[in-house]
Amino acid sequence: MIVEVVAVGTELLLGQVVNSNAATIGARLAEAGLDAHFQQTVGDNLERMVSAIRLAIERSDAVIITGGIGPTQDDITREAICAATGRAMLHSDEYADRLRRRWEELGRVLPISNLRQADYPEGAEMLENPKGTAPGLALEHDGTWLFAVPGVPQEMIHLLDVEIIPRLRSSAGLDRVVRSRIIRSWGLPESKVGEMLDDLFQSGTNPSIAFLASAGEIKVRITAAGAAGPEVDELIAPVESVVRERLGSAVFGADEQTIETVLHDLLRTRSWTIGTAESATAGLVAARLTSLPGASDVFRGGIVAYATDLKRDLLDVSAAEVVTEAAAIEMALGARTRLGCDVAVAVTGSAGPEPQEQPPGTMIMAVATPEGVMARTFRLPGDRERVRTYAATAALHLTRLAVAGDWWT
């Protein structure tokens, strides 16, 4: 079954909102064993929306339209579906009453414009949306399924998973699924990872592998297709084992795991707390360490000492130059003392564009634990913000290695 996605919203075309819904739907369709050959993005214009929907109907077995079913004047997806299929617009008094009761329960008066959400194309089924006020729509037209869902991601995902995917799989008679496993690594360049796994990368194989690079981390995606149940997992498992064996300690997690979640788990396992001392990254490492719920269990605090005199006063740095491994080590040890933590990670360097003691892109990290202290120098490419972002990622991974006892060489 071929499923097409039509994302509605002028804000998507202008780049004011990232079209994450189309990516999410594409991933969900692939996991369900459904083919997505086309995606369209169209602005809030009735004529162009009708044209996009008709084109999708002509070349696909099902169409998922996301966005444009809210209460405002530019939410015209219902009207576009009616025009594209030649159907009348109907109104559900029952759903309108539900909307009124819902607003009354909140102690508010229902705006008249919200009653538009009780409109639906003739022959369409209104899909329950417990996460919002706009119901989804399901309509079979001349052998093609049309679905309309809100643009709000959490509402869209609920309707997609609960209402749409099961209908499409049933309609297609599918017992086949496509599943991916993401192996996350750091410390090896993408080209090196590709060389190490070259014999696994063969077009048309099942499972197949692909490489994805982002912010200094390299992801290896293993994708397999097979019958629903344990078969797909059994296909993935031996390939995953080979990938992990070859990449070794460069692998730090899988699927939804991030360096932050992995590091927090390691710290909790050892009953260690952590703190930061940052100069060039100015709190980026601390921000990432505290981005997770429950971070206070392990994070003691952070010191941002940007000026040289503050590094000396707050962190007891005595090194003549502060963009050196010796200074980074003193920063980490000073942070352990000042913050009363078990582990401290320090970052200093010259992010650019002007050199400061070292060439632009020179970033130095040090990690101190109860078992030792070590520093490492990086030469990072890119502009100032890219250097700072990559440095924060590197600092977290060096900390992971140190806490795990796998000190880098």
Protein backbone atom coordinates (compact mmCIF):
# COMPACT_ATOMS: atom_id res chain seq x y z
CA MET A 1 0.00 0.00 0.00
CA ILE A 2 1.34 3.41 -1.04
CA VAL A 3 0.62 6.21 1.45
CA GLU A 4 1.19 9.86 0.67
CA VAL A 5 1.64 12.65 3.22
CA VAL A 6 0.28 16.14 2.59
CA ALA A 7 1.49 18.66 5.19
CA VAL A 8 -0.60 21.84 5.30
CA GLY A 9 0.61 25.22 6.52
CA THR A 10 2.12 28.34 5.03
CA GLU A 11 4.41 28.49 8.09
CA LEU A 12 6.05 25.27 6.87
CA LEU A 13 6.87 26.79 3.49
CA LEU A 14 8.29 29.93 5.10
CA GLY A 15 10.52 27.92 7.42
CA GLN A 16 8.85 29.37 10.51
CA VAL A 17 7.98 25.85 11.68
CA VAL A 18 10.03 22.74 10.94
CA ASN A 19 7.95 20.07 9.21
CA SER A 20 8.62 17.38 11.82
CA ASN A 21 5.18 15.81 11.33
CA ALA A 22 6.05 14.56 7.85
CA ALA A 23 9.22 12.94 9.17
CA THR A 24 7.34 11.31 12.05
CA ILE A 25 4.61 9.98 9.78
CA GLY A 26 7.21 8.66 7.33
CA ALA A 27 9.01 6.78 10.11
CA ARG A 28 5.76 5.34 11.48
CA LEU A 29 4.67 4.17 8.02
CA ALA A 30 8.01 2.46 7.41
CA GLU A 31 7.83 0.68 10.77
CA ALA A 32 4.34 -0.53 9.85
CA GLY A 33 5.51 -1.96 6.52
CA LEU A 34 3.71 0.69 4.45
CA ASP A 35 5.32 2.46 1.50
CA ALA A 36 5.58 6.26 1.34
CA HIS A 37 6.64 7.32 -2.16
CA PHE A 38 5.66 10.99 -2.00
CA GLN A 39 5.32 13.88 0.43
CA GLN A 40 3.84 17.28 -0.35
CA THR A 41 3.88 20.56 1.58
CA VAL A 42 1.23 23.12 0.67
CA GLY A 43 0.27 26.50 2.08
CA ASP A 44 -3.10 27.59 3.44
CA ASN A 45 -4.61 28.21 0.02
CA LEU A 46 -7.78 26.40 -0.98
CA GLU A 47 -7.02 26.05 -4.69
CA ARG A 48 -3.50 24.71 -4.13
CA MET A 49 -4.66 22.39 -1.34
CA VAL A 50 -7.35 20.91 -3.58
CA SER A 51 -4.77 20.37 -6.32
CA ALA A 52 -2.37 18.66 -3.89
CA ILE A 53 -5.09 16.36 -2.52
CA ARG A 54 -6.31 15.38 -5.99
CA LEU A 55 -2.76 14.58 -7.11
CA ALA A 56 -2.23 12.43 -4.02
CA ILE A 57 -5.50 10.58 -4.64
CA GLU A 58 -4.45 9.83 -8.22
CA ARG A 59 -1.13 8.20 -7.36
CA SER A 60 -1.54 6.76 -3.86
CA ASP A 61 -3.73 4.23 -2.05
CA ALA A 62 -4.07 6.41 1.05
CA VAL A 63 -3.46 10.07 1.89
CA ILE A 64 -2.66 11.49 5.32
CA ILE A 65 -3.23 15.24 5.57
CA THR A 66 -1.74 16.92 8.62
CA GLY A 67 -2.69 20.44 9.69
CA GLY A 68 -5.48 22.85 8.84
CA ILE A 69 -8.33 21.40 10.93
CA GLY A 70 -8.22 23.91 13.77
CA PRO A 71 -10.78 26.64 14.53
CA THR A 72 -9.30 29.66 12.73
CA GLN A 73 -10.08 31.11 9.31
CA ASP A 74 -6.95 29.65 7.70
CA ASP A 75 -7.83 26.10 8.82
CA ILE A 76 -9.45 24.98 5.56
CA THR A 77 -8.46 21.33 5.21
CA ARG A 78 -12.09 20.20 5.60
CA GLU A 79 -13.16 22.56 2.84
CA ALA A 80 -10.30 21.34 0.62
CA ILE A 81 -11.31 17.69 1.09
CA CYS A 82 -14.91 18.52 0.19
CA ALA A 83 -13.83 20.38 -2.94
CA ALA A 84 -11.34 17.69 -4.00
CA THR A 85 -13.87 14.86 -3.60
CA GLY A 86 -17.07 16.70 -4.63
CA ARG A 87 -18.72 16.14 -1.25
CA ALA A 88 -20.93 18.39 0.82
CA MET A 89 -19.90 19.78 4.20
CA LEU A 90 -22.01 18.48 7.09
CA HIS A 91 -22.22 19.56 10.72
CA SER A 92 -22.35 17.30 13.77
CA ASP A 93 -24.64 18.76 16.43
CA GLU A 94 -23.57 15.94 18.73
CA TYR A 95 -19.90 16.89 18.48
CA ALA A 96 -20.74 20.58 18.86
CA ASP A 97 -22.50 19.76 22.15
CA ARG A 98 -19.43 17.79 23.28
CA LEU A 99 -17.27 20.81 22.58
CA ARG A 100 -19.56 23.06 24.63
CA ARG A 101 -19.53 20.65 27.58
CA ARG A 102 -15.76 20.34 27.41
CA TRP A 103 -15.31 24.10 27.63
CA GLU A 104 -17.92 24.38 30.39
CA GLU A 105 -15.98 21.83 32.45
CA LEU A 106 -12.99 24.17 32.16
CA GLY A 107 -15.13 27.08 33.37
CA ARG A 108 -14.89 28.84 30.01
CA VAL A 109 -17.26 29.87 27.22
CA LEU A 110 -16.79 28.11 23.89
CA PRO A 111 -15.71 30.56 21.15
CA ILE A 112 -18.07 30.41 18.18
CA SER A 113 -15.12 29.70 15.86
CA ASN A 114 -14.48 26.37 17.60
CA LEU A 115 -17.79 25.06 16.30
CA ARG A 116 -16.10 24.74 12.89
CA GLN A 117 -14.42 21.66 14.36
CA ALA A 118 -17.81 19.95 14.33
CA ASP A 119 -17.91 20.21 10.52
CA TYR A 120 -16.96 17.19 8.42
CA PRO A 121 -17.08 16.09 4.75
CA GLU A 122 -20.08 13.95 3.82
CA GLY A 123 -19.29 10.29 4.42
CA ALA A 124 -16.32 10.94 6.72
CA GLU A 125 -15.91 9.39 10.15
CA MET A 126 -14.88 11.71 12.99
CA LEU A 127 -11.94 10.18 14.88
CA GLU A 128 -11.75 10.62 18.64
CA ASN A 129 -8.96 13.00 19.71
CA PRO A 130 -8.56 12.93 23.51
CA LYS A 131 -5.52 15.21 23.35
CA GLY A 132 -7.25 18.15 21.64
CA THR A 133 -10.55 19.60 20.45
CA ALA A 134 -10.24 18.91 16.72
CA PRO A 135 -11.34 15.39 15.74
CA GLY A 136 -9.47 13.55 13.06
CA LEU A 137 -11.26 12.52 9.88
CA ALA A 138 -11.32 9.25 7.95
CA LEU A 139 -12.93 9.02 4.51
CA GLU A 140 -12.82 6.35 1.82
CA HIS A 141 -13.19 7.96 -1.60
CA ASP A 142 -13.21 5.93 -4.82
CA GLY A 143 -10.98 3.28 -3.28
CA THR A 144 -8.53 5.70 -1.68
CA TRP A 145 -8.38 6.38 2.04
CA LEU A 146 -8.20 10.04 3.11
CA PHE A 147 -7.22 10.92 6.64
CA ALA A 148 -6.98 14.39 8.19
CA VAL A 149 -5.21 14.93 11.52
CA PRO A 150 -4.27 18.04 13.53
CA GLY A 151 -0.87 19.63 13.06
CA VAL A 152 -0.16 19.59 16.81
CA PRO A 153 2.42 16.76 17.05
CA GLN A 154 1.08 15.01 20.15
CA GLU A 155 -2.45 14.99 18.71
CA MET A 156 -1.24 13.86 15.30
CA ILE A 157 0.86 11.02 16.74
CA HIS A 158 -2.02 9.72 18.88
CA LEU A 159 -4.42 9.57 15.92
CA LEU A 160 -1.74 8.10 13.68
CA ASP A 161 -0.88 5.27 16.08
CA VAL A 162 -4.36 4.50 17.41
CA GLU A 163 -6.63 5.15 14.44
CA ILE A 164 -4.78 5.41 11.13
CA ILE A 165 -1.94 2.87 11.09
CA PRO A 166 -4.18 -0.02 12.28
CA ARG A 167 -6.74 0.78 9.55
CA LEU A 168 -4.08 0.94 6.85
CA ARG A 169 -2.42 -2.30 7.91
CA SER A 170 -5.79 -4.03 8.03
CA SER A 171 -6.75 -2.65 4.63
CA ALA A 172 -3.44 -3.80 3.15
CA GLY A 173 -3.65 -7.22 4.81
CA LEU A 174 -0.18 -6.78 6.24
CA ASP A 175 1.58 -9.03 8.70
CA ARG A 176 4.96 -7.65 7.59
CA VAL A 177 6.79 -5.00 9.61
CA VAL A 178 9.90 -2.90 9.12
CA ARG A 179 11.98 -2.16 12.19
CA SER A 180 15.17 -0.23 12.77
CA ARG A 181 17.76 -0.38 15.51
CA ILE A 182 20.00 2.66 15.99
CA ILE A 183 23.48 2.01 17.42
CA ARG A 184 25.01 5.25 18.68
CA SER A 185 28.76 5.87 18.71
CA TRP A 186 31.22 8.66 19.36
CA GLY A 187 34.96 9.06 18.87
CA LEU A 188 35.34 7.64 15.37
CA PRO A 189 34.81 9.66 12.16
CA GLU A 190 32.01 8.58 9.84
CA SER A 191 34.49 7.45 7.19
CA LYS A 192 36.28 5.20 9.69
CA VAL A 193 32.99 3.68 10.87
CA GLY A 194 32.11 3.05 7.22
CA GLU A 195 35.42 1.27 6.62
CA MET A 196 35.04 -0.88 9.72
CA LEU A 197 31.56 -1.99 8.67
CA ASP A 198 32.11 -2.01 4.91
CA ASP A 199 31.31 -5.70 4.40
CA LEU A 200 27.94 -5.27 6.11
CA PHE A 201 26.90 -2.47 3.76
CA GLN A 202 25.39 -4.19 0.73
CA SER A 203 22.47 -2.83 -1.25
CA GLY A 204 19.30 -4.89 -1.14
CA THR A 205 20.28 -6.99 1.88
CA ASN A 206 17.97 -7.71 4.79
CA PRO A 207 18.92 -6.34 7.27
CA SER A 208 20.46 -3.25 5.69
CA ILE A 209 22.65 -0.67 7.39
CA ALA A 210 23.07 3.07 6.97
CA PHE A 211 25.22 5.75 8.61
CA LEU A 212 23.93 9.01 10.07
CA ALA A 213 26.20 11.77 11.44
CA SER A 214 25.10 14.55 13.80
CA ALA A 215 26.91 16.80 16.27
CA GLY A 216 29.99 14.60 16.38
CA GLU A 217 28.10 11.36 16.96
CA ILE A 218 27.78 8.61 14.35
CA LYS A 219 24.64 6.49 14.28
CA VAL A 220 24.53 3.10 12.61
CA ARG A 221 20.97 2.24 11.59
CA ILE A 222 20.17 -1.44 11.12
CA THR A 223 16.85 -1.97 9.32
CA ALA A 224 15.12 -5.31 8.82
CA ALA A 225 11.82 -6.39 7.29
CA GLY A 226 9.90 -9.51 8.19
CA ALA A 227 6.80 -10.98 9.73
CA ALA A 228 5.38 -9.35 12.84
CA GLY A 229 6.72 -10.88 16.01
CA PRO A 230 10.25 -11.97 16.93
CA GLU A 231 11.42 -12.58 13.35
CA VAL A 232 12.58 -9.00 12.71
CA ASP A 233 14.44 -8.82 16.03
CA GLU A 234 16.15 -12.12 15.21
CA LEU A 235 17.34 -10.66 11.91
CA ILE A 236 18.74 -7.54 13.56
CA ALA A 237 20.44 -9.20 16.55
CA PRO A 238 23.48 -10.82 14.84
CA VAL A 239 24.24 -7.68 12.81
CA GLU A 240 24.00 -5.54 15.93
CA SER A 241 26.40 -7.89 17.69
CA VAL A 242 28.99 -7.47 14.92
CA VAL A 243 28.61 -3.68 14.91
CA ARG A 244 29.08 -3.47 18.68
CA GLU A 245 32.09 -5.79 18.62
CA ARG A 246 33.88 -3.85 15.90
CA LEU A 247 33.19 -0.36 17.22
CA GLY A 248 33.95 -1.34 20.82
CA SER A 249 33.91 1.42 23.43
CA ALA A 250 32.93 3.96 20.77
CA VAL A 251 29.37 2.59 21.15
CA PHE A 252 27.56 4.32 23.98
CA GLY A 253 23.88 3.57 23.46
CA ALA A 254 21.06 2.50 21.22
CA ASP A 255 17.74 3.81 19.91
CA GLU A 256 16.38 6.55 22.21
CA GLN A 257 19.38 6.57 24.55
CA THR A 258 21.39 9.79 24.54
CA ILE A 259 24.77 10.62 26.02
CA GLU A 260 22.92 12.46 28.79
CA THR A 261 20.76 9.47 29.78
CA VAL A 262 23.70 7.06 29.58
CA LEU A 263 25.92 9.31 31.70
CA HIS A 264 23.21 9.82 34.32
CA ASP A 265 22.73 6.05 34.59
CA LEU A 266 26.47 5.48 34.99
CA LEU A 267 26.69 8.11 37.72
CA ARG A 268 23.74 6.64 39.61
CA THR A 269 25.22 3.14 39.35
CA ARG A 270 28.40 4.36 41.05
CA SER A 271 26.55 6.70 43.43
CA TRP A 272 28.65 9.59 42.15
CA THR A 273 27.70 13.22 41.73
CA ILE A 274 28.97 15.54 39.01
CA GLY A 275 29.79 19.21 38.51
CA THR A 276 31.15 21.37 35.71
CA ALA A 277 33.74 24.11 35.23
CA GLU A 278 33.31 25.83 31.88
CA SER A 279 34.97 28.66 30.09
CA ALA A 280 34.58 28.56 26.29
CA THR A 281 31.30 26.58 26.42
CA ALA A 282 29.84 28.96 29.03
CA GLY A 283 27.41 26.50 30.61
CA LEU A 284 26.48 24.33 27.60
CA VAL A 285 27.67 21.15 29.32
CA ALA A 286 25.79 21.98 32.51
CA ALA A 287 22.64 22.75 30.51
CA ARG A 288 22.75 19.34 28.85
CA LEU A 289 23.40 17.54 32.12
CA THR A 290 20.36 19.21 33.67
CA SER A 291 18.05 18.70 30.67
CA LEU A 292 16.72 15.41 32.07
CA PRO A 293 14.11 15.01 34.82
CA GLY A 294 15.73 13.99 38.10
CA ALA A 295 19.06 15.60 37.22
CA SER A 296 19.36 16.90 40.78
CA ASP A 297 20.08 13.33 41.87
CA VAL A 298 23.52 13.53 40.29
CA PHE A 299 24.24 17.15 39.31
CA ARG A 300 25.74 19.32 42.05
CA GLY A 301 26.29 22.54 40.12
CA GLY A 302 28.34 24.35 37.54
CA ILE A 303 30.87 27.17 37.47
CA VAL A 304 31.19 29.39 34.43
CA ALA A 305 34.50 31.21 34.74
CA TYR A 306 34.96 33.07 31.48
CA ALA A 307 37.53 35.63 32.56
CA THR A 308 41.06 34.47 33.36
CA ASP A 309 41.07 36.06 36.81
CA LEU A 310 37.89 34.17 37.74
CA LYS A 311 39.43 30.89 36.67
CA ARG A 312 42.29 31.61 39.01
CA ASP A 313 40.13 32.82 41.91
CA LEU A 314 37.20 30.39 41.70
CA LEU A 315 39.00 27.28 40.48
CA ASP A 316 42.52 27.75 41.85
CA VAL A 317 44.09 27.71 38.38
CA SER A 318 47.77 28.59 38.63
CA ALA A 319 48.89 27.65 35.10
CA ALA A 320 50.51 30.55 33.25
CA GLU A 321 48.24 29.98 30.25
CA VAL A 322 44.60 28.94 30.65
CA VAL A 323 44.07 27.24 27.27
CA THR A 324 46.24 24.25 28.12
CA GLU A 325 45.67 20.73 29.37
CA ALA A 326 47.38 21.65 32.64
CA ALA A 327 44.89 24.48 33.19
CA ALA A 328 41.93 22.24 32.28
CA ILE A 329 43.09 19.67 34.83
CA GLU A 330 43.35 22.37 37.51
CA MET A 331 39.85 23.58 36.58
CA ALA A 332 38.42 20.07 36.98
CA LEU A 333 40.17 19.49 40.31
CA GLY A 334 39.12 22.93 41.53
CA ALA A 335 35.50 22.25 40.61
CA ARG A 336 35.53 18.96 42.54
CA THR A 337 36.66 20.84 45.61
CA ARG A 338 34.42 23.89 45.23
CA LEU A 339 31.27 21.94 44.35
CA GLY A 340 31.84 18.94 46.59
CA CYS A 341 31.20 16.49 43.76
CA ASP A 342 32.75 13.16 42.87
CA VAL A 343 33.23 13.92 39.18
CA ALA A 344 34.02 17.22 37.52
CA VAL A 345 34.35 18.00 33.83
CA ALA A 346 36.16 21.16 32.70
CA VAL A 347 36.22 22.87 29.32
CA THR A 348 38.54 25.64 28.18
CA GLY A 349 39.68 26.69 24.75
CA SER A 350 39.56 29.10 21.85
CA ALA A 351 36.21 28.79 20.05
CA GLY A 352 37.11 31.57 17.62
CA PRO A 353 36.96 33.40 15.40
CA GLU A 354 39.97 35.18 16.95
CA PRO A 355 42.78 33.07 18.44
CA GLN A 356 43.27 33.13 22.22
CA GLU A 357 46.57 31.49 23.21
CA GLN A 358 45.67 28.69 20.76
CA PRO A 359 44.32 28.64 17.16
CA PRO A 360 40.53 28.92 16.75
CA GLY A 361 38.81 25.58 17.24
CA THR A 362 41.27 24.41 19.89
CA MET A 363 39.16 23.03 22.75
CA ILE A 364 40.52 21.29 25.83
CA MET A 365 38.55 19.12 28.24
CA ALA A 366 39.54 17.49 31.50
CA VAL A 367 37.68 15.05 33.70
CA ALA A 368 38.47 14.36 37.35
CA THR A 369 36.99 11.39 39.22
CA PRO A 370 37.90 9.63 42.50
CA GLU A 371 40.02 7.34 40.31
CA GLY A 372 42.11 9.93 38.49
CA VAL A 373 42.21 12.97 36.22
CA MET A 374 43.03 13.32 32.55
CA ALA A 375 42.80 15.97 29.82
CA ARG A 376 42.51 15.90 26.04
CA THR A 377 42.93 18.51 23.31
CA PHE A 378 40.65 18.70 20.27
CA ARG A 379 40.96 20.66 17.05
CA LEU A 380 37.35 21.19 16.02
CA PRO A 381 36.23 22.53 12.62
CA GLY A 382 33.49 25.02 11.83
CA ASP A 383 32.29 28.36 13.12
CA ARG A 384 32.17 29.43 16.75
CA GLU A 385 28.80 27.87 17.61
CA ARG A 386 29.62 24.59 15.93
CA VAL A 387 32.90 24.39 17.82
CA ARG A 388 31.12 25.06 21.14
CA THR A 389 28.39 22.52 20.41
CA TYR A 390 30.85 19.80 19.40
CA ALA A 391 33.00 20.60 22.43
CA ALA A 392 30.07 20.12 24.79
CA THR A 393 29.31 16.76 23.18
CA ALA A 394 32.97 15.71 23.43
CA ALA A 395 33.11 16.74 27.10
CA LEU A 396 30.12 14.57 27.94
CA HIS A 397 31.58 11.57 26.15
CA LEU A 398 34.98 11.92 27.80
CA THR A 399 33.14 12.04 31.11
CA ARG A 400 31.24 8.87 30.18
CA LEU A 401 34.49 7.05 29.46
CA ALA A 402 36.10 8.25 32.68
CA VAL A 403 33.11 7.31 34.85
CA ALA A 404 32.98 3.87 33.20
CA GLY A 405 36.70 3.41 33.85
CA ASP A 406 37.51 3.33 30.10
CA TRP A 407 39.89 6.30 30.14
CA TRP A 408 40.80 7.42 26.66
CA THR A 409 44.27 7.04 25.19
